[in-house]
PDB file of N, CA and C in Angstrom:
ATOM      1  N   MET A   1      42.054 -10.582 -70.433  1.00  0.00           N
ATOM      2  CA  MET A   1      41.414 -10.674 -71.725  1.00  0.00           C
ATOM      3  C   MET A   1      39.949 -10.271 -71.602  1.00  0.00           C
ATOM      4  N   ALA A   2      39.477  -9.463 -72.546  1.00  0.00           N
ATOM      5  CA  ALA A   2      38.097  -9.007 -72.537  1.00  0.00           C
ATOM      6  C   ALA A   2      37.165 -10.166 -72.879  1.00  0.00           C
ATOM      7  N   PRO A   3      35.930 -10.144 -72.347  1.00  0.00           N
ATOM      8  CA  PRO A   3      34.983 -11.207 -72.692  1.00  0.00           C
ATOM      9  C   PRO A   3      34.670 -11.180 -74.187  1.00  0.00           C
ATOM     10  N   LEU A   4      34.400 -12.356 -74.746  1.00  0.00           N
ATOM     11  CA  LEU A   4      34.092 -12.473 -76.163  1.00  0.00           C
ATOM     12  C   LEU A   4      32.642 -12.077 -76.415  1.00  0.00           C
ATOM     13  N   SER A   5      32.363 -11.487 -77.586  1.00  0.00           N
ATOM     14  CA  SER A   5      30.996 -11.115 -77.935  1.00  0.00           C
ATOM     15  C   SER A   5      30.184 -12.376 -78.210  1.00  0.00           C
ATOM     16  N   LYS A   6      28.856 -12.212 -78.320  1.00  0.00           N
ATOM     17  CA  LYS A   6      27.984 -13.355 -78.594  1.00  0.00           C
ATOM     18  C   LYS A   6      28.299 -13.999 -79.936  1.00  0.00           C
ATOM     19  N   LYS A   7      28.850 -13.243 -80.861  1.00  0.00           N
ATOM     20  CA  LYS A   7      29.160 -13.783 -82.179  1.00  0.00           C
ATOM     21  C   LYS A   7      30.581 -14.330 -82.245  1.00  0.00           C
ATOM     22  N   THR A   8      31.289 -14.337 -81.136  1.00  0.00           N
ATOM     23  CA  THR A   8      32.664 -14.827 -81.099  1.00  0.00           C
ATOM     24  C   THR A   8      32.774 -15.920 -80.047  1.00  0.00           C
ATOM     25  N   ILE A   9      33.462 -17.006 -80.406  1.00  0.00           N
ATOM     26  CA  ILE A   9      33.677 -18.110 -79.472  1.00  0.00           C
ATOM     27  C   ILE A   9      35.155 -18.466 -79.434  1.00  0.00           C
ATOM     28  N   GLN A  10      35.547 -19.120 -78.370  1.00  0.00           N
ATOM     29  CA  GLN A  10      36.887 -19.687 -78.284  1.00  0.00           C
ATOM     30  C   GLN A  10      36.722 -21.201 -78.341  1.00  0.00           C
ATOM     31  N   HIS A  11      37.158 -21.803 -79.448  1.00  0.00           N
ATOM     32  CA  HIS A  11      36.982 -23.239 -79.630  1.00  0.00           C
ATOM     33  C   HIS A  11      38.236 -23.973 -79.173  1.00  0.00           C
ATOM     34  N   PHE A  12      38.062 -25.161 -78.602  1.00  0.00           N
ATOM     35  CA  PHE A  12      39.195 -25.900 -78.049  1.00  0.00           C
ATOM     36  C   PHE A  12      40.215 -26.344 -79.097  1.00  0.00           C
ATOM     37  N   THR A  13      39.861 -26.335 -80.370  1.00  0.00           N
ATOM     38  CA  THR A  13      40.771 -26.811 -81.407  1.00  0.00           C
ATOM     39  C   THR A  13      41.578 -25.703 -82.073  1.00  0.00           C
ATOM     40  N   HIS A  14      41.293 -24.446 -81.698  1.00  0.00           N
ATOM     41  CA  HIS A  14      41.950 -23.343 -82.401  1.00  0.00           C
ATOM     42  C   HIS A  14      42.424 -22.293 -81.411  1.00  0.00           C
ATOM     43  N   PHE A  15      43.596 -21.763 -81.649  1.00  0.00           N
ATOM     44  CA  PHE A  15      44.215 -20.802 -80.736  1.00  0.00           C
ATOM     45  C   PHE A  15      43.486 -19.462 -80.714  1.00  0.00           C
ATOM     46  N   HIS A  16      43.058 -18.976 -81.870  1.00  0.00           N
ATOM     47  CA  HIS A  16      42.407 -17.666 -81.961  1.00  0.00           C
ATOM     48  C   HIS A  16      40.898 -17.777 -81.759  1.00  0.00           C
ATOM     49  N   PRO A  17      40.252 -16.681 -81.359  1.00  0.00           N
ATOM     50  CA  PRO A  17      38.781 -16.670 -81.302  1.00  0.00           C
ATOM     51  C   PRO A  17      38.192 -16.830 -82.701  1.00  0.00           C
ATOM     52  N   LEU A  18      37.005 -17.427 -82.776  1.00  0.00           N
ATOM     53  CA  LEU A  18      36.296 -17.609 -84.037  1.00  0.00           C
ATOM     54  C   LEU A  18      35.072 -16.705 -84.039  1.00  0.00           C
ATOM     55  N   THR A  19      34.861 -16.011 -85.143  1.00  0.00           N
ATOM     56  CA  THR A  19      33.755 -15.073 -85.273  1.00  0.00           C
ATOM     57  C   THR A  19      32.684 -15.661 -86.181  1.00  0.00           C
ATOM     58  N   LYS A  20      31.434 -15.555 -85.757  1.00  0.00           N
ATOM     59  CA  LYS A  20      30.321 -16.040 -86.576  1.00  0.00           C
ATOM     60  C   LYS A  20      30.115 -15.068 -87.727  1.00  0.00           C
ATOM     61  N   VAL A  21      30.183 -15.596 -88.944  1.00  0.00           N
ATOM     62  CA  VAL A  21      30.002 -14.774 -90.138  1.00  0.00           C
ATOM     63  C   VAL A  21      28.999 -15.433 -91.078  1.00  0.00           C
ATOM     64  N   SER A  22      28.320 -14.600 -91.845  1.00  0.00           N
ATOM     65  CA  SER A  22      27.408 -15.076 -92.882  1.00  0.00           C
ATOM     66  C   SER A  22      27.977 -14.661 -94.222  1.00  0.00           C
ATOM     67  N   ALA A  23      28.149 -15.624 -95.090  1.00  0.00           N
ATOM     68  CA  ALA A  23      28.645 -15.353 -96.434  1.00  0.00           C
ATOM     69  C   ALA A  23      27.998 -16.341 -97.375  1.00  0.00           C
ATOM     70  N   ASN A  24      27.595 -15.895 -98.525  1.00  0.00           N
ATOM     71  CA  ASN A  24      26.967 -16.788 -99.508  1.00  0.00           C
ATOM     72  C   ASN A  24      28.030 -17.491-100.327  1.00  0.00           C
ATOM     73  N   THR A  25      28.911 -18.166 -99.624  1.00  0.00           N
ATOM     74  CA  THR A  25      29.993 -18.900-100.277  1.00  0.00           C
ATOM     75  C   THR A  25      30.142 -20.272 -99.633  1.00  0.00           C
ATOM     76  N   GLU A  26      30.713 -21.178-100.398  1.00  0.00           N
ATOM     77  CA  GLU A  26      30.992 -22.529 -99.927  1.00  0.00           C
ATOM     78  C   GLU A  26      32.294 -22.512 -99.128  1.00  0.00           C
ATOM     79  N   PHE A  27      32.403 -23.414 -98.160  1.00  0.00           N
ATOM     80  CA  PHE A  27      33.633 -23.544 -97.386  1.00  0.00           C
ATOM     81  C   PHE A  27      33.833 -24.996 -96.984  1.00  0.00           C
ATOM     82  N   LEU A  28      35.062 -25.333 -96.661  1.00  0.00           N
ATOM     83  CA  LEU A  28      35.375 -26.661 -96.126  1.00  0.00           C
ATOM     84  C   LEU A  28      35.527 -26.514 -94.623  1.00  0.00           C
ATOM     85  N   CYS A  29      34.700 -27.223 -93.872  1.00  0.00           N
ATOM     86  CA  CYS A  29      34.764 -27.158 -92.413  1.00  0.00           C
ATOM     87  C   CYS A  29      36.059 -27.813 -91.953  1.00  0.00           C
ATOM     88  N   ASP A  30      36.818 -27.099 -91.136  1.00  0.00           N
ATOM     89  CA  ASP A  30      38.071 -27.633 -90.604  1.00  0.00           C
ATOM     90  C   ASP A  30      37.840 -28.579 -89.437  1.00  0.00           C
ATOM     91  N   GLY A  31      36.586 -28.788 -89.060  1.00  0.00           N
ATOM     92  CA  GLY A  31      36.263 -29.734 -88.008  1.00  0.00           C
ATOM     93  C   GLY A  31      35.915 -31.093 -88.568  1.00  0.00           C
ATOM     94  N   CYS A  32      34.825 -31.149 -89.328  1.00  0.00           N
ATOM     95  CA  CYS A  32      34.341 -32.434 -89.840  1.00  0.00           C
ATOM     96  C   CYS A  32      34.837 -32.735 -91.248  1.00  0.00           C
ATOM     97  N   ARG A  33      35.475 -31.766 -91.881  1.00  0.00           N
ATOM     98  CA  ARG A  33      36.051 -31.916 -93.229  1.00  0.00           C
ATOM     99  C   ARG A  33      34.987 -32.168 -94.298  1.00  0.00           C
ATOM    100  N   THR A  34      33.792 -31.593 -94.105  1.00  0.00           N
ATOM    101  CA  THR A  34      32.758 -31.645 -95.133  1.00  0.00           C
ATOM    102  C   THR A  34      32.453 -30.218 -95.585  1.00  0.00           C
ATOM    103  N   LEU A  35      31.832 -30.112 -96.752  1.00  0.00           N
ATOM    104  CA  LEU A  35      31.517 -28.795 -97.295  1.00  0.00           C
ATOM    105  C   LEU A  35      30.369 -28.149 -96.539  1.00  0.00           C
ATOM    106  N   GLY A  36      30.434 -26.839 -96.473  1.00  0.00           N
ATOM    107  CA  GLY A  36      29.362 -26.057 -95.882  1.00  0.00           C
ATOM    108  C   GLY A  36      29.068 -24.873 -96.772  1.00  0.00           C
ATOM    109  N   PHE A  37      27.978 -24.178 -96.470  1.00  0.00           N
ATOM    110  CA  PHE A  37      27.605 -23.000 -97.233  1.00  0.00           C
ATOM    111  C   PHE A  37      26.952 -22.008 -96.288  1.00  0.00           C
ATOM    112  N   GLY A  38      27.329 -20.748 -96.411  1.00  0.00           N
ATOM    113  CA  GLY A  38      26.677 -19.711 -95.619  1.00  0.00           C
ATOM    114  C   GLY A  38      27.334 -19.478 -94.273  1.00  0.00           C
ATOM    115  N   THR A  39      26.512 -19.469 -93.221  1.00  0.00           N
ATOM    116  CA  THR A  39      26.975 -19.106 -91.876  1.00  0.00           C
ATOM    117  C   THR A  39      27.994 -20.105 -91.353  1.00  0.00           C
ATOM    118  N   ARG A  40      29.019 -19.583 -90.721  1.00  0.00           N
ATOM    119  CA  ARG A  40      30.096 -20.395 -90.144  1.00  0.00           C
ATOM    120  C   ARG A  40      30.802 -19.615 -89.049  1.00  0.00           C
ATOM    121  N   TYR A  41      31.634 -20.281 -88.284  1.00  0.00           N
ATOM    122  CA  TYR A  41      32.552 -19.623 -87.352  1.00  0.00           C
ATOM    123  C   TYR A  41      33.912 -19.597 -88.031  1.00  0.00           C
ATOM    124  N   ARG A  42      34.540 -18.438 -88.060  1.00  0.00           N
ATOM    125  CA  ARG A  42      35.730 -18.253 -88.888  1.00  0.00           C
ATOM    126  C   ARG A  42      36.844 -17.514 -88.165  1.00  0.00           C
ATOM    127  N   CYS A  43      38.081 -17.964 -88.449  1.00  0.00           N
ATOM    128  CA  CYS A  43      39.289 -17.227 -88.092  1.00  0.00           C
ATOM    129  C   CYS A  43      39.896 -16.786 -89.420  1.00  0.00           C
ATOM    130  N   LYS A  44      39.709 -15.521 -89.768  1.00  0.00           N
ATOM    131  CA  LYS A  44      40.152 -15.026 -91.068  1.00  0.00           C
ATOM    132  C   LYS A  44      41.666 -15.119 -91.257  1.00  0.00           C
ATOM    133  N   PRO A  45      42.491 -14.724 -90.267  1.00  0.00           N
ATOM    134  CA  PRO A  45      43.949 -14.809 -90.480  1.00  0.00           C
ATOM    135  C   PRO A  45      44.446 -16.226 -90.764  1.00  0.00           C
ATOM    136  N   CYS A  46      43.796 -17.232 -90.197  1.00  0.00           N
ATOM    137  CA  CYS A  46      44.232 -18.622 -90.370  1.00  0.00           C
ATOM    138  C   CYS A  46      43.461 -19.354 -91.464  1.00  0.00           C
ATOM    139  N   ASP A  47      42.439 -18.712 -92.033  1.00  0.00           N
ATOM    140  CA  ASP A  47      41.557 -19.360 -92.999  1.00  0.00           C
ATOM    141  C   ASP A  47      40.989 -20.652 -92.404  1.00  0.00           C
ATOM    142  N   PHE A  48      40.454 -20.540 -91.177  1.00  0.00           N
ATOM    143  CA  PHE A  48      39.923 -21.665 -90.414  1.00  0.00           C
ATOM    144  C   PHE A  48      38.427 -21.472 -90.263  1.00  0.00           C
ATOM    145  N   ASP A  49      37.628 -22.479 -90.669  1.00  0.00           N
ATOM    146  CA  ASP A  49      36.169 -22.386 -90.631  1.00  0.00           C
ATOM    147  C   ASP A  49      35.565 -23.603 -89.950  1.00  0.00           C
ATOM    148  N   LEU A  50      34.474 -23.376 -89.216  1.00  0.00           N
ATOM    149  CA  LEU A  50      33.709 -24.461 -88.610  1.00  0.00           C
ATOM    150  C   LEU A  50      32.229 -24.243 -88.862  1.00  0.00           C
ATOM    151  N   HIS A  51      31.515 -25.345 -89.208  1.00  0.00           N
ATOM    152  CA  HIS A  51      30.051 -25.285 -89.229  1.00  0.00           C
ATOM    153  C   HIS A  51      29.579 -24.833 -87.849  1.00  0.00           C
ATOM    154  N   ASP A  52      28.395 -24.273 -87.788  1.00  0.00           N
ATOM    155  CA  ASP A  52      27.802 -23.926 -86.493  1.00  0.00           C
ATOM    156  C   ASP A  52      27.724 -25.171 -85.606  1.00  0.00           C
ATOM    157  N   HIS A  53      27.291 -26.296 -86.192  1.00  0.00           N
ATOM    158  CA  HIS A  53      27.182 -27.540 -85.412  1.00  0.00           C
ATOM    159  C   HIS A  53      28.542 -27.967 -84.853  1.00  0.00           C
ATOM    160  N   CYS A  54      29.575 -27.918 -85.667  1.00  0.00           N
ATOM    161  CA  CYS A  54      30.905 -28.346 -85.214  1.00  0.00           C
ATOM    162  C   CYS A  54      31.462 -27.395 -84.153  1.00  0.00           C
ATOM    163  N   ALA A  55      31.184 -26.117 -84.303  1.00  0.00           N
ATOM    164  CA  ALA A  55      31.678 -25.131 -83.344  1.00  0.00           C
ATOM    165  C   ALA A  55      30.990 -25.254 -81.992  1.00  0.00           C
ATOM    166  N   ASN A  56      29.745 -25.694 -81.994  1.00  0.00           N
ATOM    167  CA  ASN A  56      28.959 -25.716 -80.758  1.00  0.00           C
ATOM    168  C   ASN A  56      28.622 -27.107 -80.246  1.00  0.00           C
ATOM    169  N   SER A  57      29.225 -28.140 -80.822  1.00  0.00           N
ATOM    170  CA  SER A  57      29.000 -29.501 -80.334  1.00  0.00           C
ATOM    171  C   SER A  57      29.593 -29.657 -78.933  1.00  0.00           C
ATOM    172  N   PRO A  58      28.943 -30.434 -78.090  1.00  0.00           N
ATOM    173  CA  PRO A  58      29.494 -30.653 -76.747  1.00  0.00           C
ATOM    174  C   PRO A  58      30.793 -31.459 -76.814  1.00  0.00           C
ATOM    175  N   LEU A  59      31.640 -31.288 -75.830  1.00  0.00           N
ATOM    176  CA  LEU A  59      32.898 -32.036 -75.790  1.00  0.00           C
ATOM    177  C   LEU A  59      32.679 -33.506 -75.479  1.00  0.00           C
ATOM    178  N   GLU A  60      31.564 -33.813 -74.819  1.00  0.00           N
ATOM    179  CA  GLU A  60      31.300 -35.197 -74.438  1.00  0.00           C
ATOM    180  C   GLU A  60      29.840 -35.517 -74.727  1.00  0.00           C
ATOM    181  N   ILE A  61      29.592 -36.725 -75.223  1.00  0.00           N
ATOM    182  CA  ILE A  61      28.221 -37.143 -75.549  1.00  0.00           C
ATOM    183  C   ILE A  61      27.940 -38.542 -75.032  1.00  0.00           C
ATOM    184  N   SER A  62      26.671 -38.856 -74.953  1.00  0.00           N
ATOM    185  CA  SER A  62      26.198 -40.227 -74.757  1.00  0.00           C
ATOM    186  C   SER A  62      25.403 -40.576 -75.998  1.00  0.00           C
ATOM    187  N   SER A  63      25.505 -41.824 -76.444  1.00  0.00           N
ATOM    188  CA  SER A  63      24.827 -42.199 -77.677  1.00  0.00           C
ATOM    189  C   SER A  63      24.360 -43.644 -77.632  1.00  0.00           C
ATOM    190  N   PHE A  64      23.239 -43.907 -78.298  1.00  0.00           N
ATOM    191  CA  PHE A  64      22.745 -45.273 -78.421  1.00  0.00           C
ATOM    192  C   PHE A  64      23.716 -46.136 -79.222  1.00  0.00           C
ATOM    193  N   MET A  65      24.631 -45.517 -79.965  1.00  0.00           N
ATOM    194  CA  MET A  65      25.565 -46.251 -80.826  1.00  0.00           C
ATOM    195  C   MET A  65      26.667 -46.958 -80.051  1.00  0.00           C
ATOM    196  N   HIS A  66      26.781 -46.623 -78.763  1.00  0.00           N
ATOM    197  CA  HIS A  66      27.919 -47.132 -78.024  1.00  0.00           C
ATOM    198  C   HIS A  66      27.511 -47.572 -76.631  1.00  0.00           C
ATOM    199  N   GLN A  67      28.078 -48.681 -76.191  1.00  0.00           N
ATOM    200  CA  GLN A  67      27.671 -49.278 -74.912  1.00  0.00           C
ATOM    201  C   GLN A  67      28.135 -48.507 -73.678  1.00  0.00           C
ATOM    202  N   TYR A  68      29.231 -47.776 -73.786  1.00  0.00           N
ATOM    203  CA  TYR A  68      29.731 -47.049 -72.624  1.00  0.00           C
ATOM    204  C   TYR A  68      29.031 -45.716 -72.480  1.00  0.00           C
ATOM    205  N   VAL A  69      29.199 -45.104 -71.347  1.00  0.00           N
ATOM    206  CA  VAL A  69      28.438 -43.917 -71.001  1.00  0.00           C
ATOM    207  C   VAL A  69      28.695 -42.740 -71.941  1.00  0.00           C
ATOM    208  N   SER A  70      29.966 -42.481 -72.272  1.00  0.00           N
ATOM    209  CA  SER A  70      30.215 -41.282 -73.056  1.00  0.00           C
ATOM    210  C   SER A  70      31.444 -41.410 -73.932  1.00  0.00           C
ATOM    211  N   ALA A  71      31.544 -40.485 -74.860  1.00  0.00           N
ATOM    212  CA  ALA A  71      32.707 -40.378 -75.729  1.00  0.00           C
ATOM    213  C   ALA A  71      33.104 -38.906 -75.759  1.00  0.00           C
ATOM    214  N   THR A  72      34.378 -38.630 -75.930  1.00  0.00           N
ATOM    215  CA  THR A  72      34.905 -37.272 -75.902  1.00  0.00           C
ATOM    216  C   THR A  72      35.320 -36.845 -77.298  1.00  0.00           C
ATOM    217  N   CYS A  73      35.042 -35.583 -77.642  1.00  0.00           N
ATOM    218  CA  CYS A  73      35.386 -35.061 -78.958  1.00  0.00           C
ATOM    219  C   CYS A  73      36.895 -34.867 -79.052  1.00  0.00           C
ATOM    220  N   VAL A  74      37.479 -35.384 -80.130  1.00  0.00           N
ATOM    221  CA  VAL A  74      38.914 -35.243 -80.379  1.00  0.00           C
ATOM    222  C   VAL A  74      39.126 -34.904 -81.845  1.00  0.00           C
ATOM    223  N   LYS A  75      40.277 -34.361 -82.140  1.00  0.00           N
ATOM    224  CA  LYS A  75      40.660 -34.141 -83.527  1.00  0.00           C
ATOM    225  C   LYS A  75      41.764 -35.143 -83.813  1.00  0.00           C
ATOM    226  N   THR A  76      41.530 -36.046 -84.737  1.00  0.00           N
ATOM    227  CA  THR A  76      42.452 -37.142 -85.001  1.00  0.00           C
ATOM    228  C   THR A  76      43.610 -36.700 -85.878  1.00  0.00           C
ATOM    229  N   LEU A  77      44.520 -37.622 -86.123  1.00  0.00           N
ATOM    230  CA  LEU A  77      45.660 -37.341 -86.999  1.00  0.00           C
ATOM    231  C   LEU A  77      45.215 -36.969 -88.410  1.00  0.00           C
ATOM    232  N   LEU A  78      44.018 -37.404 -88.786  1.00  0.00           N
ATOM    233  CA  LEU A  78      43.470 -37.050 -90.091  1.00  0.00           C
ATOM    234  C   LEU A  78      42.889 -35.638 -90.086  1.00  0.00           C
ATOM    235  N   LYS A  79      42.983 -34.970 -88.943  1.00  0.00           N
ATOM    236  CA  LYS A  79      42.485 -33.601 -88.763  1.00  0.00           C
ATOM    237  C   LYS A  79      40.974 -33.519 -88.939  1.00  0.00           C
ATOM    238  N   VAL A  80      40.272 -34.509 -88.410  1.00  0.00           N
ATOM    239  CA  VAL A  80      38.822 -34.573 -88.481  1.00  0.00           C
ATOM    240  C   VAL A  80      38.273 -34.750 -87.067  1.00  0.00           C
ATOM    241  N   PHE A  81      37.161 -34.062 -86.752  1.00  0.00           N
ATOM    242  CA  PHE A  81      36.526 -34.233 -85.447  1.00  0.00           C
ATOM    243  C   PHE A  81      35.847 -35.599 -85.370  1.00  0.00           C
ATOM    244  N   PHE A  82      36.092 -36.293 -84.294  1.00  0.00           N
ATOM    245  CA  PHE A  82      35.424 -37.541 -83.966  1.00  0.00           C
ATOM    246  C   PHE A  82      35.136 -37.535 -82.481  1.00  0.00           C
ATOM    247  N   TYR A  83      34.180 -38.327 -82.080  1.00  0.00           N
ATOM    248  CA  TYR A  83      34.018 -38.638 -80.661  1.00  0.00           C
ATOM    249  C   TYR A  83      34.705 -39.974 -80.441  1.00  0.00           C
ATOM    250  N   ARG A  84      35.479 -40.065 -79.372  1.00  0.00           N
ATOM    251  CA  ARG A  84      36.254 -41.271 -79.096  1.00  0.00           C
ATOM    252  C   ARG A  84      36.016 -41.742 -77.669  1.00  0.00           C
ATOM    253  N   CYS A  85      35.845 -43.056 -77.529  1.00  0.00           N
ATOM    254  CA  CYS A  85      35.770 -43.673 -76.217  1.00  0.00           C
ATOM    255  C   CYS A  85      37.163 -44.178 -75.868  1.00  0.00           C
ATOM    256  N   LYS A  86      37.722 -43.693 -74.787  1.00  0.00           N
ATOM    257  CA  LYS A  86      39.069 -44.111 -74.381  1.00  0.00           C
ATOM    258  C   LYS A  86      39.107 -45.568 -73.915  1.00  0.00           C
ATOM    259  N   LEU A  87      37.986 -46.080 -73.430  1.00  0.00           N
ATOM    260  CA  LEU A  87      37.963 -47.441 -72.909  1.00  0.00           C
ATOM    261  C   LEU A  87      38.145 -48.492 -73.991  1.00  0.00           C
ATOM    262  N   CYS A  88      37.550 -48.253 -75.161  1.00  0.00           N
ATOM    263  CA  CYS A  88      37.590 -49.295 -76.190  1.00  0.00           C
ATOM    264  C   CYS A  88      38.020 -48.791 -77.567  1.00  0.00           C
ATOM    265  N   GLU A  89      38.404 -47.519 -77.657  1.00  0.00           N
ATOM    266  CA  GLU A  89      38.837 -46.926 -78.923  1.00  0.00           C
ATOM    267  C   GLU A  89      37.725 -46.907 -79.971  1.00  0.00           C
ATOM    268  N   PHE A  90      36.475 -46.756 -79.527  1.00  0.00           N
ATOM    269  CA  PHE A  90      35.346 -46.571 -80.442  1.00  0.00           C
ATOM    270  C   PHE A  90      35.384 -45.135 -80.945  1.00  0.00           C
ATOM    271  N   TYR A  91      35.274 -44.946 -82.268  1.00  0.00           N
ATOM    272  CA  TYR A  91      35.261 -43.617 -82.874  1.00  0.00           C
ATOM    273  C   TYR A  91      33.963 -43.428 -83.641  1.00  0.00           C
ATOM    274  N   VAL A  92      33.392 -42.224 -83.580  1.00  0.00           N
ATOM    275  CA  VAL A  92      32.216 -41.885 -84.375  1.00  0.00           C
ATOM    276  C   VAL A  92      32.359 -40.437 -84.842  1.00  0.00           C
ATOM    277  N   HIS A  93      32.120 -40.217 -86.133  1.00  0.00           N
ATOM    278  CA  HIS A  93      32.183 -38.882 -86.733  1.00  0.00           C
ATOM    279  C   HIS A  93      31.096 -38.005 -86.125  1.00  0.00           C
ATOM    280  N   THR A  94      31.365 -36.721 -85.998  1.00  0.00           N
ATOM    281  CA  THR A  94      30.405 -35.808 -85.368  1.00  0.00           C
ATOM    282  C   THR A  94      29.052 -35.807 -86.074  1.00  0.00           C
ATOM    283  N   PHE A  95      29.010 -35.901 -87.393  1.00  0.00           N
ATOM    284  CA  PHE A  95      27.729 -35.936 -88.098  1.00  0.00           C
ATOM    285  C   PHE A  95      26.960 -37.217 -87.813  1.00  0.00           C
ATOM    286  N   CYS A  96      27.660 -38.323 -87.650  1.00  0.00           N
ATOM    287  CA  CYS A  96      26.984 -39.595 -87.386  1.00  0.00           C
ATOM    288  C   CYS A  96      26.289 -39.592 -86.035  1.00  0.00           C
ATOM    289  N   THR A  97      26.735 -38.769 -85.112  1.00  0.00           N
ATOM    290  CA  THR A  97      26.072 -38.698 -83.807  1.00  0.00           C
ATOM    291  C   THR A  97      24.694 -38.068 -83.915  1.00  0.00           C
ATOM    292  N   GLN A  98      24.389 -37.442 -85.041  1.00  0.00           N
ATOM    293  CA  GLN A  98      23.080 -36.819 -85.234  1.00  0.00           C
ATOM    294  C   GLN A  98      22.054 -37.783 -85.826  1.00  0.00           C
ATOM    295  N   LEU A  99      22.488 -38.975 -86.209  1.00  0.00           N
ATOM    296  CA  LEU A  99      21.572 -39.958 -86.769  1.00  0.00           C
ATOM    297  C   LEU A  99      20.583 -40.431 -85.714  1.00  0.00           C
ATOM    298  N   LEU A 100      19.366 -40.692 -86.137  1.00  0.00           N
ATOM    299  CA  LEU A 100      18.337 -41.201 -85.228  1.00  0.00           C
ATOM    300  C   LEU A 100      18.451 -42.716 -85.109  1.00  0.00           C
ATOM    301  N   GLU A 101      18.152 -43.212 -83.921  1.00  0.00           N
ATOM    302  CA  GLU A 101      18.188 -44.659 -83.727  1.00  0.00           C
ATOM    303  C   GLU A 101      17.055 -45.339 -84.491  1.00  0.00           C
ATOM    304  N   TYR A 102      15.876 -44.721 -84.513  1.00  0.00           N
ATOM    305  CA  TYR A 102      14.719 -45.281 -85.212  1.00  0.00           C
ATOM    306  C   TYR A 102      14.207 -44.283 -86.240  1.00  0.00           C
ATOM    307  N   VAL A 103      13.828 -44.778 -87.408  1.00  0.00           N
ATOM    308  CA  VAL A 103      13.210 -43.946 -88.438  1.00  0.00           C
ATOM    309  C   VAL A 103      12.044 -44.697 -89.062  1.00  0.00           C
ATOM    310  N   ARG A 104      11.111 -43.952 -89.598  1.00  0.00           N
ATOM    311  CA  ARG A 104      10.011 -44.536 -90.371  1.00  0.00           C
ATOM    312  C   ARG A 104      10.294 -44.219 -91.833  1.00  0.00           C
ATOM    313  N   HIS A 105      10.078 -45.207 -92.683  1.00  0.00           N
ATOM    314  CA  HIS A 105      10.343 -45.026 -94.108  1.00  0.00           C
ATOM    315  C   HIS A 105       9.084 -45.351 -94.901  1.00  0.00           C
ATOM    316  N   VAL A 106       8.820 -44.570 -95.942  1.00  0.00           N
ATOM    317  CA  VAL A 106       7.611 -44.773 -96.746  1.00  0.00           C
ATOM    318  C   VAL A 106       7.586 -46.131 -97.442  1.00  0.00           C
ATOM    319  N   MET A 107       8.739 -46.715 -97.670  1.00  0.00           N
ATOM    320  CA  MET A 107       8.806 -48.012 -98.340  1.00  0.00           C
ATOM    321  C   MET A 107       8.654 -49.174 -97.361  1.00  0.00           C
ATOM    322  N   HIS A 108       8.626 -48.864 -96.072  1.00  0.00           N
ATOM    323  CA  HIS A 108       8.508 -49.915 -95.057  1.00  0.00           C
ATOM    324  C   HIS A 108       7.664 -49.363 -93.908  1.00  0.00           C
ATOM    325  N   THR A 109       6.355 -49.463 -94.047  1.00  0.00           N
ATOM    326  CA  THR A 109       5.449 -48.827 -93.087  1.00  0.00           C
ATOM    327  C   THR A 109       5.024 -49.725 -91.929  1.00  0.00           C
ATOM    328  N   ASN A 110       5.447 -50.991 -91.925  1.00  0.00           N
ATOM    329  CA  ASN A 110       5.026 -51.941 -90.882  1.00  0.00           C
ATOM    330  C   ASN A 110       5.494 -51.524 -89.489  1.00  0.00           C
ATOM    331  N   HIS A 111       6.738 -51.040 -89.404  1.00  0.00           N
ATOM    332  CA  HIS A 111       7.308 -50.663 -88.116  1.00  0.00           C
ATOM    333  C   HIS A 111       8.527 -49.765 -88.369  1.00  0.00           C
ATOM    334  N   PRO A 112       9.004 -49.069 -87.349  1.00  0.00           N
ATOM    335  CA  PRO A 112      10.193 -48.236 -87.530  1.00  0.00           C
ATOM    336  C   PRO A 112      11.421 -49.101 -87.815  1.00  0.00           C
ATOM    337  N   LEU A 113      12.368 -48.529 -88.513  1.00  0.00           N
ATOM    338  CA  LEU A 113      13.646 -49.196 -88.787  1.00  0.00           C
ATOM    339  C   LEU A 113      14.657 -48.723 -87.756  1.00  0.00           C
ATOM    340  N   ARG A 114      15.501 -49.644 -87.300  1.00  0.00           N
ATOM    341  CA  ARG A 114      16.473 -49.321 -86.262  1.00  0.00           C
ATOM    342  C   ARG A 114      17.894 -49.327 -86.842  1.00  0.00           C
ATOM    343  N   LEU A 115      18.652 -48.297 -86.537  1.00  0.00           N
ATOM    344  CA  LEU A 115      20.043 -48.223 -86.960  1.00  0.00           C
ATOM    345  C   LEU A 115      20.872 -49.163 -86.087  1.00  0.00           C
ATOM    346  N   GLN A 116      21.575 -50.103 -86.716  1.00  0.00           N
ATOM    347  CA  GLN A 116      22.410 -51.051 -85.959  1.00  0.00           C
ATOM    348  C   GLN A 116      23.767 -51.143 -86.583  1.00  0.00           C
TER     349      GLN A 116
END
């Protein structure tokens, strides 16, 4: 098999290569099941689309949200990407892994707020 171009990836959830395309149209991401607009990775014959973030997320992560070292990306029976810890069956949606542990809010300037 020939090497894939920079605009083409082979994602673990899809049999065919996905090509990065730009289109000024809305799409439903087949990874996280949320709406997207514009650039995506696409398999045209299968009508399969992934956000750039979903296409390029690591297979394994560490997060402040979970006590164990890492969680692995899986596609559940609901056909949605989640990170799952096999040790305790902890699940977290791929978008939730992007949340910050601490944030500052204009309505609460005394100290940062912590996600718990």
